[in-house]
Amino acid sequence: VNGDGNNDDWELKNIEGYPNCIIEIYNRWGNLVWKSEGYPKNWDGTNFRNGQVLPDGTYFYIINLQSQIYDEPLTGWVQIIK
């Protein structure tokens, strides 16, 4: 997110195979900071409500692929370091 061209956004490989997926990213307090239906653009560490760059820290994601094959959501964390 520092604009150096390295790891400035979160690219999800093969996500285009799940056009109806729902992606949510939360901060450590459980506040939703990013939501996407489909994944039309990679998340760049900004808040979807106001476009501001989020502070350094750990963020938690839930990816619901909306798939009959993969019915459990994928969860984990991603770190923002500037």
PDB file of N, CA and C in Angstrom:
ATOM      1  N   VAL A   1       0.824  -1.198   0.000  1.00  0.00           N
ATOM      2  CA  VAL A   1       0.000   0.000   0.000  1.00  0.00           C
ATOM      3  C   VAL A   1       0.861   1.252   0.000  1.00  0.00           C
ATOM      4  N   ASN A   2       2.169   1.080  -0.083  1.00  0.00           N
ATOM      5  CA  ASN A   2       3.040   2.251  -0.067  1.00  0.00           C
ATOM      6  C   ASN A   2       3.353   2.778  -1.465  1.00  0.00           C
ATOM      7  N   GLY A   3       2.799   2.134  -2.501  1.00  0.00           N
ATOM      8  CA  GLY A   3       2.952   2.639  -3.855  1.00  0.00           C
ATOM      9  C   GLY A   3       4.244   2.267  -4.538  1.00  0.00           C
ATOM     10  N   ASP A   4       5.019   1.329  -3.982  1.00  0.00           N
ATOM     11  CA  ASP A   4       6.278   0.954  -4.610  1.00  0.00           C
ATOM     12  C   ASP A   4       6.114  -0.121  -5.685  1.00  0.00           C
ATOM     13  N   GLY A   5       4.873  -0.589  -5.893  1.00  0.00           N
ATOM     14  CA  GLY A   5       4.614  -1.586  -6.916  1.00  0.00           C
ATOM     15  C   GLY A   5       4.767  -3.025  -6.444  1.00  0.00           C
ATOM     16  N   ASN A   6       5.219  -3.214  -5.222  1.00  0.00           N
ATOM     17  CA  ASN A   6       5.371  -4.554  -4.662  1.00  0.00           C
ATOM     18  C   ASN A   6       4.311  -4.790  -3.597  1.00  0.00           C
ATOM     19  N   ASN A   7       3.472  -5.780  -3.809  1.00  0.00           N
ATOM     20  CA  ASN A   7       2.447  -6.154  -2.824  1.00  0.00           C
ATOM     21  C   ASN A   7       1.565  -4.979  -2.409  1.00  0.00           C
ATOM     22  N   ASP A   8       1.231  -4.134  -3.356  1.00  0.00           N
ATOM     23  CA  ASP A   8       0.388  -2.978  -3.042  1.00  0.00           C
ATOM     24  C   ASP A   8      -1.098  -3.305  -3.041  1.00  0.00           C
ATOM     25  N   ASP A   9      -1.451  -4.469  -3.522  1.00  0.00           N
ATOM     26  CA  ASP A   9      -2.841  -4.890  -3.445  1.00  0.00           C
ATOM     27  C   ASP A   9      -2.898  -6.393  -3.219  1.00  0.00           C
ATOM     28  N   TRP A  10      -4.083  -6.863  -2.890  1.00  0.00           N
ATOM     29  CA  TRP A  10      -4.299  -8.255  -2.527  1.00  0.00           C
ATOM     30  C   TRP A  10      -4.925  -8.956  -3.713  1.00  0.00           C
ATOM     31  N   GLU A  11      -4.112  -9.726  -4.410  1.00  0.00           N
ATOM     32  CA  GLU A  11      -4.572 -10.439  -5.592  1.00  0.00           C
ATOM     33  C   GLU A  11      -5.000 -11.845  -5.201  1.00  0.00           C
ATOM     34  N   LEU A  12      -6.231 -12.189  -5.520  1.00  0.00           N
ATOM     35  CA  LEU A  12      -6.750 -13.522  -5.244  1.00  0.00           C
ATOM     36  C   LEU A  12      -6.710 -14.327  -6.546  1.00  0.00           C
ATOM     37  N   LYS A  13      -5.819 -15.281  -6.618  1.00  0.00           N
ATOM     38  CA  LYS A  13      -5.657 -16.105  -7.818  1.00  0.00           C
ATOM     39  C   LYS A  13      -6.913 -16.956  -8.035  1.00  0.00           C
ATOM     40  N   ASN A  14      -7.334 -17.063  -9.277  1.00  0.00           N
ATOM     41  CA  ASN A  14      -8.447 -17.902  -9.727  1.00  0.00           C
ATOM     42  C   ASN A  14      -9.810 -17.500  -9.169  1.00  0.00           C
ATOM     43  N   ILE A  15      -9.921 -16.336  -8.587  1.00  0.00           N
ATOM     44  CA  ILE A  15     -11.202 -15.900  -8.039  1.00  0.00           C
ATOM     45  C   ILE A  15     -12.225 -15.624  -9.149  1.00  0.00           C
ATOM     46  N   GLU A  16     -11.746 -15.374 -10.357  1.00  0.00           N
ATOM     47  CA  GLU A  16     -12.657 -15.098 -11.470  1.00  0.00           C
ATOM     48  C   GLU A  16     -13.561 -16.294 -11.777  1.00  0.00           C
ATOM     49  N   GLY A  17     -13.196 -17.479 -11.302  1.00  0.00           N
ATOM     50  CA  GLY A  17     -14.033 -18.659 -11.473  1.00  0.00           C
ATOM     51  C   GLY A  17     -15.248 -18.653 -10.556  1.00  0.00           C
ATOM     52  N   TYR A  18     -15.340 -17.673  -9.685  1.00  0.00           N
ATOM     53  CA  TYR A  18     -16.448 -17.552  -8.731  1.00  0.00           C
ATOM     54  C   TYR A  18     -17.026 -16.137  -8.828  1.00  0.00           C
ATOM     55  N   PRO A  19     -17.722 -15.846  -9.906  1.00  0.00           N
ATOM     56  CA  PRO A  19     -18.181 -14.471 -10.142  1.00  0.00           C
ATOM     57  C   PRO A  19     -19.197 -13.956  -9.123  1.00  0.00           C
ATOM     58  N   ASN A  20     -19.819 -14.831  -8.361  1.00  0.00           N
ATOM     59  CA  ASN A  20     -20.802 -14.400  -7.370  1.00  0.00           C
ATOM     60  C   ASN A  20     -20.246 -14.400  -5.949  1.00  0.00           C
ATOM     61  N   CYS A  21     -18.943 -14.554  -5.804  1.00  0.00           N
ATOM     62  CA  CYS A  21     -18.346 -14.626  -4.471  1.00  0.00           C
ATOM     63  C   CYS A  21     -18.583 -13.327  -3.691  1.00  0.00           C
ATOM     64  N   ILE A  22     -18.566 -13.459  -2.392  1.00  0.00           N
ATOM     65  CA  ILE A  22     -18.696 -12.295  -1.506  1.00  0.00           C
ATOM     66  C   ILE A  22     -17.453 -12.268  -0.625  1.00  0.00           C
ATOM     67  N   ILE A  23     -16.745 -11.156  -0.647  1.00  0.00           N
ATOM     68  CA  ILE A  23     -15.519 -11.003   0.122  1.00  0.00           C
ATOM     69  C   ILE A  23     -15.716  -9.884   1.126  1.00  0.00           C
ATOM     70  N   GLU A  24     -15.427 -10.199   2.379  1.00  0.00           N
ATOM     71  CA  GLU A  24     -15.525  -9.204   3.452  1.00  0.00           C
ATOM     72  C   GLU A  24     -14.209  -9.183   4.210  1.00  0.00           C
ATOM     73  N   ILE A  25     -13.766  -7.986   4.543  1.00  0.00           N
ATOM     74  CA  ILE A  25     -12.550  -7.811   5.328  1.00  0.00           C
ATOM     75  C   ILE A  25     -12.895  -6.925   6.524  1.00  0.00           C
ATOM     76  N   TYR A  26     -12.442  -7.376   7.703  1.00  0.00           N
ATOM     77  CA  TYR A  26     -12.744  -6.704   8.960  1.00  0.00           C
ATOM     78  C   TYR A  26     -11.455  -6.280   9.654  1.00  0.00           C
ATOM     79  N   ASN A  27     -11.532  -5.193  10.410  1.00  0.00           N
ATOM     80  CA  ASN A  27     -10.389  -4.803  11.232  1.00  0.00           C
ATOM     81  C   ASN A  27     -10.422  -5.594  12.537  1.00  0.00           C
ATOM     82  N   ARG A  28      -9.482  -5.347  13.406  1.00  0.00           N
ATOM     83  CA  ARG A  28      -9.376  -6.142  14.637  1.00  0.00           C
ATOM     84  C   ARG A  28     -10.526  -5.913  15.605  1.00  0.00           C
ATOM     85  N   TRP A  29     -11.289  -4.867  15.397  1.00  0.00           N
ATOM     86  CA  TRP A  29     -12.446  -4.599  16.254  1.00  0.00           C
ATOM     87  C   TRP A  29     -13.731  -5.173  15.668  1.00  0.00           C
ATOM     88  N   GLY A  30     -13.617  -5.851  14.539  1.00  0.00           N
ATOM     89  CA  GLY A  30     -14.785  -6.454  13.913  1.00  0.00           C
ATOM     90  C   GLY A  30     -15.574  -5.527  13.018  1.00  0.00           C
ATOM     91  N   ASN A  31     -15.003  -4.365  12.694  1.00  0.00           N
ATOM     92  CA  ASN A  31     -15.670  -3.428  11.796  1.00  0.00           C
ATOM     93  C   ASN A  31     -15.377  -3.803  10.352  1.00  0.00           C
ATOM     94  N   LEU A  32     -16.402  -3.849   9.524  1.00  0.00           N
ATOM     95  CA  LEU A  32     -16.254  -4.147   8.109  1.00  0.00           C
ATOM     96  C   LEU A  32     -15.547  -2.981   7.422  1.00  0.00           C
ATOM     97  N   VAL A  33     -14.407  -3.258   6.771  1.00  0.00           N
ATOM     98  CA  VAL A  33     -13.662  -2.202   6.086  1.00  0.00           C
ATOM     99  C   VAL A  33     -13.630  -2.400   4.566  1.00  0.00           C
ATOM    100  N   TRP A  34     -14.005  -3.613   4.090  1.00  0.00           N
ATOM    101  CA  TRP A  34     -14.040  -3.873   2.651  1.00  0.00           C
ATOM    102  C   TRP A  34     -15.081  -4.933   2.371  1.00  0.00           C
ATOM    103  N   LYS A  35     -15.878  -4.710   1.360  1.00  0.00           N
ATOM    104  CA  LYS A  35     -16.836  -5.712   0.913  1.00  0.00           C
ATOM    105  C   LYS A  35     -16.905  -5.656  -0.595  1.00  0.00           C
ATOM    106  N   SER A  36     -16.928  -6.837  -1.180  1.00  0.00           N
ATOM    107  CA  SER A  36     -16.987  -6.918  -2.620  1.00  0.00           C
ATOM    108  C   SER A  36     -17.858  -8.096  -3.013  1.00  0.00           C
ATOM    109  N   GLU A  37     -18.741  -7.877  -3.962  1.00  0.00           N
ATOM    110  CA  GLU A  37     -19.486  -8.972  -4.565  1.00  0.00           C
ATOM    111  C   GLU A  37     -18.844  -9.203  -5.916  1.00  0.00           C
ATOM    112  N   GLY A  38     -18.323 -10.420  -6.115  1.00  0.00           N
ATOM    113  CA  GLY A  38     -17.396 -10.642  -7.200  1.00  0.00           C
ATOM    114  C   GLY A  38     -16.069 -10.065  -6.718  1.00  0.00           C
ATOM    115  N   TYR A  39     -15.121  -9.965  -7.561  1.00  0.00           N
ATOM    116  CA  TYR A  39     -13.856  -9.326  -7.162  1.00  0.00           C
ATOM    117  C   TYR A  39     -13.362  -8.518  -8.359  1.00  0.00           C
ATOM    118  N   PRO A  40     -14.109  -7.455  -8.696  1.00  0.00           N
ATOM    119  CA  PRO A  40     -13.800  -6.700  -9.911  1.00  0.00           C
ATOM    120  C   PRO A  40     -12.437  -6.007  -9.890  1.00  0.00           C
ATOM    121  N   LYS A  41     -11.924  -5.726  -8.705  1.00  0.00           N
ATOM    122  CA  LYS A  41     -10.581  -5.153  -8.588  1.00  0.00           C
ATOM    123  C   LYS A  41      -9.947  -5.653  -7.302  1.00  0.00           C
ATOM    124  N   ASN A  42      -8.636  -5.775  -7.323  1.00  0.00           N
ATOM    125  CA  ASN A  42      -7.911  -6.237  -6.140  1.00  0.00           C
ATOM    126  C   ASN A  42      -8.046  -5.220  -5.014  1.00  0.00           C
ATOM    127  N   TRP A  43      -8.130  -5.722  -3.781  1.00  0.00           N
ATOM    128  CA  TRP A  43      -8.192  -4.831  -2.622  1.00  0.00           C
ATOM    129  C   TRP A  43      -6.835  -4.169  -2.448  1.00  0.00           C
ATOM    130  N   ASP A  44      -6.834  -2.868  -2.297  1.00  0.00           N
ATOM    131  CA  ASP A  44      -5.595  -2.097  -2.195  1.00  0.00           C
ATOM    132  C   ASP A  44      -5.359  -1.528  -0.797  1.00  0.00           C
ATOM    133  N   GLY A  45      -6.008  -2.104   0.210  1.00  0.00           N
ATOM    134  CA  GLY A  45      -5.791  -1.651   1.584  1.00  0.00           C
ATOM    135  C   GLY A  45      -6.542  -0.401   1.957  1.00  0.00           C
ATOM    136  N   THR A  46      -7.581  -0.092   1.192  1.00  0.00           N
ATOM    137  CA  THR A  46      -8.382   1.087   1.504  1.00  0.00           C
ATOM    138  C   THR A  46      -9.722   0.671   2.097  1.00  0.00           C
ATOM    139  N   ASN A  47     -10.351   1.620   2.781  1.00  0.00           N
ATOM    140  CA  ASN A  47     -11.677   1.417   3.337  1.00  0.00           C
ATOM    141  C   ASN A  47     -12.693   1.629   2.223  1.00  0.00           C
ATOM    142  N   PHE A  48     -13.587   0.673   2.009  1.00  0.00           N
ATOM    143  CA  PHE A  48     -14.544   0.782   0.902  1.00  0.00           C
ATOM    144  C   PHE A  48     -15.569   1.894   1.116  1.00  0.00           C
ATOM    145  N   ARG A  49     -15.716   2.360   2.316  1.00  0.00           N
ATOM    146  CA  ARG A  49     -16.712   3.406   2.576  1.00  0.00           C
ATOM    147  C   ARG A  49     -16.229   4.791   2.146  1.00  0.00           C
ATOM    148  N   ASN A  50     -14.935   5.059   2.390  1.00  0.00           N
ATOM    149  CA  ASN A  50     -14.445   6.413   2.121  1.00  0.00           C
ATOM    150  C   ASN A  50     -13.163   6.465   1.282  1.00  0.00           C
ATOM    151  N   GLY A  51     -12.611   5.307   0.907  1.00  0.00           N
ATOM    152  CA  GLY A  51     -11.423   5.272   0.062  1.00  0.00           C
ATOM    153  C   GLY A  51     -10.120   5.582   0.776  1.00  0.00           C
ATOM    154  N   GLN A  52     -10.175   5.833   2.084  1.00  0.00           N
ATOM    155  CA  GLN A  52      -8.946   6.153   2.819  1.00  0.00           C
ATOM    156  C   GLN A  52      -8.099   4.896   3.027  1.00  0.00           C
ATOM    157  N   VAL A  53      -6.788   5.088   2.995  1.00  0.00           N
ATOM    158  CA  VAL A  53      -5.853   3.997   3.242  1.00  0.00           C
ATOM    159  C   VAL A  53      -5.954   3.584   4.705  1.00  0.00           C
ATOM    160  N   LEU A  54      -6.073   2.286   4.936  1.00  0.00           N
ATOM    161  CA  LEU A  54      -6.191   1.773   6.302  1.00  0.00           C
ATOM    162  C   LEU A  54      -4.829   1.750   6.982  1.00  0.00           C
ATOM    163  N   PRO A  55      -4.800   1.860   8.297  1.00  0.00           N
ATOM    164  CA  PRO A  55      -3.525   1.839   9.022  1.00  0.00           C
ATOM    165  C   PRO A  55      -2.907   0.435   9.017  1.00  0.00           C
ATOM    166  N   ASP A  56      -1.598   0.393   9.314  1.00  0.00           N
ATOM    167  CA  ASP A  56      -0.919  -0.888   9.483  1.00  0.00           C
ATOM    168  C   ASP A  56      -1.691  -1.749  10.460  1.00  0.00           C
ATOM    169  N   GLY A  57      -1.668  -3.040  10.230  1.00  0.00           N
ATOM    170  CA  GLY A  57      -2.320  -3.938  11.164  1.00  0.00           C
ATOM    171  C   GLY A  57      -2.765  -5.224  10.504  1.00  0.00           C
ATOM    172  N   THR A  58      -3.383  -6.053  11.295  1.00  0.00           N
ATOM    173  CA  THR A  58      -3.905  -7.330  10.833  1.00  0.00           C
ATOM    174  C   THR A  58      -5.391  -7.180  10.565  1.00  0.00           C
ATOM    175  N   TYR A  59      -5.817  -7.683   9.431  1.00  0.00           N
ATOM    176  CA  TYR A  59      -7.208  -7.645   9.012  1.00  0.00           C
ATOM    177  C   TYR A  59      -7.661  -9.073   8.736  1.00  0.00           C
ATOM    178  N   PHE A  60      -8.918  -9.322   8.934  1.00  0.00           N
ATOM    179  CA  PHE A  60      -9.445 -10.679   8.841  1.00  0.00           C
ATOM    180  C   PHE A  60     -10.452 -10.756   7.704  1.00  0.00           C
ATOM    181  N   TYR A  61     -10.362 -11.818   6.914  1.00  0.00           N
ATOM    182  CA  TYR A  61     -11.231 -11.942   5.756  1.00  0.00           C
ATOM    183  C   TYR A  61     -12.146 -13.152   5.848  1.00  0.00           C
ATOM    184  N   ILE A  62     -13.280 -13.008   5.182  1.00  0.00           N
ATOM    185  CA  ILE A  62     -14.222 -14.101   4.955  1.00  0.00           C
ATOM    186  C   ILE A  62     -14.533 -14.076   3.468  1.00  0.00           C
ATOM    187  N   ILE A  63     -14.278 -15.193   2.814  1.00  0.00           N
ATOM    188  CA  ILE A  63     -14.572 -15.313   1.394  1.00  0.00           C
ATOM    189  C   ILE A  63     -15.612 -16.412   1.227  1.00  0.00           C
ATOM    190  N   ASN A  64     -16.798 -16.015   0.813  1.00  0.00           N
ATOM    191  CA  ASN A  64     -17.855 -16.965   0.525  1.00  0.00           C
ATOM    192  C   ASN A  64     -17.904 -17.112  -0.995  1.00  0.00           C
ATOM    193  N   LEU A  65     -17.493 -18.272  -1.490  1.00  0.00           N
ATOM    194  CA  LEU A  65     -17.405 -18.483  -2.930  1.00  0.00           C
ATOM    195  C   LEU A  65     -18.767 -18.645  -3.598  1.00  0.00           C
ATOM    196  N   GLN A  66     -19.845 -18.795  -2.806  1.00  0.00           N
ATOM    197  CA  GLN A  66     -21.185 -19.002  -3.358  1.00  0.00           C
ATOM    198  C   GLN A  66     -21.170 -20.192  -4.313  1.00  0.00           C
ATOM    199  N   SER A  67     -20.535 -21.272  -3.867  1.00  0.00           N
ATOM    200  CA  SER A  67     -20.344 -22.459  -4.690  1.00  0.00           C
ATOM    201  C   SER A  67     -20.961 -23.672  -4.012  1.00  0.00           C
ATOM    202  N   GLN A  68     -21.574 -24.542  -4.787  1.00  0.00           N
ATOM    203  CA  GLN A  68     -22.110 -25.777  -4.233  1.00  0.00           C
ATOM    204  C   GLN A  68     -20.992 -26.743  -3.853  1.00  0.00           C
ATOM    205  N   ILE A  69     -19.868 -26.644  -4.525  1.00  0.00           N
ATOM    206  CA  ILE A  69     -18.732 -27.529  -4.235  1.00  0.00           C
ATOM    207  C   ILE A  69     -18.018 -27.083  -2.958  1.00  0.00           C
ATOM    208  N   TYR A  70     -17.790 -25.772  -2.833  1.00  0.00           N
ATOM    209  CA  TYR A  70     -17.107 -25.214  -1.662  1.00  0.00           C
ATOM    210  C   TYR A  70     -18.127 -24.415  -0.853  1.00  0.00           C
ATOM    211  N   ASP A  71     -18.860 -25.110   0.003  1.00  0.00           N
ATOM    212  CA  ASP A  71     -19.944 -24.430   0.705  1.00  0.00           C
ATOM    213  C   ASP A  71     -19.511 -23.743   1.996  1.00  0.00           C
ATOM    214  N   GLU A  72     -18.334 -24.067   2.520  1.00  0.00           N
ATOM    215  CA  GLU A  72     -17.825 -23.407   3.719  1.00  0.00           C
ATOM    216  C   GLU A  72     -17.013 -22.166   3.313  1.00  0.00           C
ATOM    217  N   PRO A  73     -17.192 -21.051   4.000  1.00  0.00           N
ATOM    218  CA  PRO A  73     -16.402 -19.867   3.666  1.00  0.00           C
ATOM    219  C   PRO A  73     -14.923 -20.065   3.998  1.00  0.00           C
ATOM    220  N   LEU A  74     -14.085 -19.391   3.246  1.00  0.00           N
ATOM    221  CA  LEU A  74     -12.647 -19.370   3.514  1.00  0.00           C
ATOM    222  C   LEU A  74     -12.378 -18.204   4.447  1.00  0.00           C
ATOM    223  N   THR A  75     -11.580 -18.426   5.474  1.00  0.00           N
ATOM    224  CA  THR A  75     -11.275 -17.369   6.424  1.00  0.00           C
ATOM    225  C   THR A  75      -9.779 -17.321   6.696  1.00  0.00           C
ATOM    226  N   GLY A  76      -9.323 -16.189   7.141  1.00  0.00           N
ATOM    227  CA  GLY A  76      -7.918 -16.033   7.483  1.00  0.00           C
ATOM    228  C   GLY A  76      -7.603 -14.574   7.758  1.00  0.00           C
ATOM    229  N   TRP A  77      -6.351 -14.247   7.617  1.00  0.00           N
ATOM    230  CA  TRP A  77      -5.936 -12.866   7.902  1.00  0.00           C
ATOM    231  C   TRP A  77      -4.972 -12.391   6.841  1.00  0.00           C
ATOM    232  N   VAL A  78      -4.874 -11.077   6.748  1.00  0.00           N
ATOM    233  CA  VAL A  78      -3.934 -10.412   5.860  1.00  0.00           C
ATOM    234  C   VAL A  78      -3.344  -9.238   6.628  1.00  0.00           C
ATOM    235  N   GLN A  79      -2.079  -8.962   6.412  1.00  0.00           N
ATOM    236  CA  GLN A  79      -1.359  -7.924   7.163  1.00  0.00           C
ATOM    237  C   GLN A  79      -1.068  -6.731   6.254  1.00  0.00           C
ATOM    238  N   ILE A  80      -1.324  -5.542   6.751  1.00  0.00           N
ATOM    239  CA  ILE A  80      -0.913  -4.321   6.058  1.00  0.00           C
ATOM    240  C   ILE A  80       0.324  -3.800   6.769  1.00  0.00           C
ATOM    241  N   ILE A  81       1.392  -3.661   5.995  1.00  0.00           N
ATOM    242  CA  ILE A  81       2.661  -3.104   6.502  1.00  0.00           C
ATOM    243  C   ILE A  81       3.106  -2.055   5.487  1.00  0.00           C
ATOM    244  N   LYS A  82       3.400  -0.874   5.961  1.00  0.00           N
ATOM    245  CA  LYS A  82       3.841   0.200   5.055  1.00  0.00           C
ATOM    246  C   LYS A  82       5.312   0.451   5.220  1.00  0.00           C
TER     247      LYS A  82
END
